[in-house]
PDB file of N, CA and C in Angstrom:
ATOM      1  N   GLU A   1       6.617   7.649  14.620  1.00  0.00           N
ATOM      2  CA  GLU A   1       6.841   7.394  13.299  1.00  0.00           C
ATOM      3  C   GLU A   1       6.918   5.906  12.830  1.00  0.00           C
ATOM      4  N   ALA A   2       7.008   5.827  11.598  1.00  0.00           N
ATOM      5  CA  ALA A   2       7.164   4.187  11.229  1.00  0.00           C
ATOM      6  C   ALA A   2       8.519   3.655  11.475  1.00  0.00           C
ATOM      7  N   ALA A   3       9.477   4.425  11.680  1.00  0.00           N
ATOM      8  CA  ALA A   3      10.658   3.824  11.959  1.00  0.00           C
ATOM      9  C   ALA A   3      10.683   3.343  13.405  1.00  0.00           C
ATOM     10  N   LEU A   4       9.835   3.941  14.155  1.00  0.00           N
ATOM     11  CA  LEU A   4       9.835   3.438  15.758  1.00  0.00           C
ATOM     12  C   LEU A   4       9.114   2.060  15.747  1.00  0.00           C
ATOM     13  N   GLU A   5       8.062   1.982  14.733  1.00  0.00           N
ATOM     14  CA  GLU A   5       7.099   1.030  14.525  1.00  0.00           C
ATOM     15  C   GLU A   5       7.973  -0.264  14.388  1.00  0.00           C
ATOM     16  N   VAL A   6       9.114  -0.097  13.686  1.00  0.00           N
ATOM     17  CA  VAL A   6       9.972  -1.355  13.267  1.00  0.00           C
ATOM     18  C   VAL A   6      10.968  -1.563  14.321  1.00  0.00           C
ATOM     19  N   GLU A   7      11.668  -0.533  14.905  1.00  0.00           N
ATOM     20  CA  GLU A   7      12.548  -0.655  15.714  1.00  0.00           C
ATOM     21  C   GLU A   7      12.338  -1.116  17.035  1.00  0.00           C
ATOM     22  N   LEU A   8      11.072  -0.913  17.511  1.00  0.00           N
ATOM     23  CA  LEU A   8      10.343  -1.590  18.805  1.00  0.00           C
ATOM     24  C   LEU A   8      10.416  -3.141  18.452  1.00  0.00           C
ATOM     25  N   PRO A   9       9.602  -3.617  17.634  1.00  0.00           N
ATOM     26  CA  PRO A   9       9.751  -5.298  17.540  1.00  0.00           C
ATOM     27  C   PRO A   9      11.181  -5.661  17.391  1.00  0.00           C
ATOM     28  N   VAL A  10      12.242  -5.174  16.522  1.00  0.00           N
ATOM     29  CA  VAL A  10      13.442  -5.727  16.375  1.00  0.00           C
ATOM     30  C   VAL A  10      14.168  -5.710  17.850  1.00  0.00           C
ATOM     31  N   PHE A  11      14.075  -4.655  18.706  1.00  0.00           N
ATOM     32  CA  PHE A  11      14.556  -4.640  19.961  1.00  0.00           C
ATOM     33  C   PHE A  11      14.170  -5.741  20.724  1.00  0.00           C
ATOM     34  N   LEU A  12      12.747  -5.990  20.805  1.00  0.00           N
ATOM     35  CA  LEU A  12      12.146  -7.221  21.558  1.00  0.00           C
ATOM     36  C   LEU A  12      12.664  -8.316  21.129  1.00  0.00           C
ATOM     37  N   VAL A  13      12.878  -8.809  19.885  1.00  0.00           N
ATOM     38  CA  VAL A  13      13.453  -9.892  19.375  1.00  0.00           C
ATOM     39  C   VAL A  13      14.658 -10.240  19.699  1.00  0.00           C
ATOM     40  N   LEU A  14      15.752  -9.128  19.475  1.00  0.00           N
ATOM     41  CA  LEU A  14      17.043  -9.152  20.139  1.00  0.00           C
ATOM     42  C   LEU A  14      17.324  -9.687  21.693  1.00  0.00           C
ATOM     43  N   LEU A  15      16.149  -8.985  22.502  1.00  0.00           N
ATOM     44  CA  LEU A  15      16.043  -9.195  23.852  1.00  0.00           C
ATOM     45  C   LEU A  15      15.684 -10.596  24.177  1.00  0.00           C
ATOM     46  N   PHE A  16      14.698 -11.007  23.333  1.00  0.00           N
ATOM     47  CA  PHE A  16      14.386 -12.532  23.506  1.00  0.00           C
ATOM     48  C   PHE A  16      15.502 -13.382  23.085  1.00  0.00           C
ATOM     49  N   LEU A  17      16.383 -13.151  22.111  1.00  0.00           N
ATOM     50  CA  LEU A  17      17.201 -14.014  21.663  1.00  0.00           C
ATOM     51  C   LEU A  17      18.296 -13.945  22.915  1.00  0.00           C
ATOM     52  N   LEU A  18      18.556 -12.795  23.261  1.00  0.00           N
ATOM     53  CA  LEU A  18      19.732 -12.650  24.464  1.00  0.00           C
ATOM     54  C   LEU A  18      19.190 -13.636  25.702  1.00  0.00           C
ATOM     55  N   VAL A  19      17.810 -13.468  25.960  1.00  0.00           N
ATOM     56  CA  VAL A  19      17.279 -14.242  27.160  1.00  0.00           C
ATOM     57  C   VAL A  19      17.431 -15.666  26.738  1.00  0.00           C
ATOM     58  N   GLY A  20      17.059 -16.094  25.796  1.00  0.00           N
ATOM     59  CA  GLY A  20      17.077 -17.489  25.230  1.00  0.00           C
ATOM     60  C   GLY A  20      18.520 -18.333  25.391  1.00  0.00           C
ATOM     61  N   GLU A  21      19.620 -17.330  25.047  1.00  0.00           N
ATOM     62  CA  GLU A  21      20.843 -17.781  25.126  1.00  0.00           C
ATOM     63  C   GLU A  21      21.268 -17.986  26.430  1.00  0.00           C
ATOM     64  N   ASP A  22      20.807 -17.032  27.300  1.00  0.00           N
ATOM     65  CA  ASP A  22      21.415 -16.880  28.892  1.00  0.00           C
ATOM     66  C   ASP A  22      20.640 -18.100  29.482  1.00  0.00           C
ATOM     67  N   SER A  23      19.534 -18.484  29.231  1.00  0.00           N
ATOM     68  CA  SER A  23      18.532 -19.537  29.811  1.00  0.00           C
ATOM     69  C   SER A  23      19.408 -20.788  29.262  1.00  0.00           C
ATOM     70  N   SER A  24      19.796 -20.839  28.044  1.00  0.00           N
ATOM     71  CA  SER A  24      20.626 -22.141  27.568  1.00  0.00           C
ATOM     72  C   SER A  24      21.925 -22.031  28.481  1.00  0.00           C
TER      73      SER A  24
END
C-alpha cells in the first residue's frame, strides 16, 4: 500500500542518520 511506500524511505533515512552519528 501507499503507507509502506512512505514508511520504507523514512526508515532508511533514520538508519542513515543513526549510522552517520555513530561514524562521528
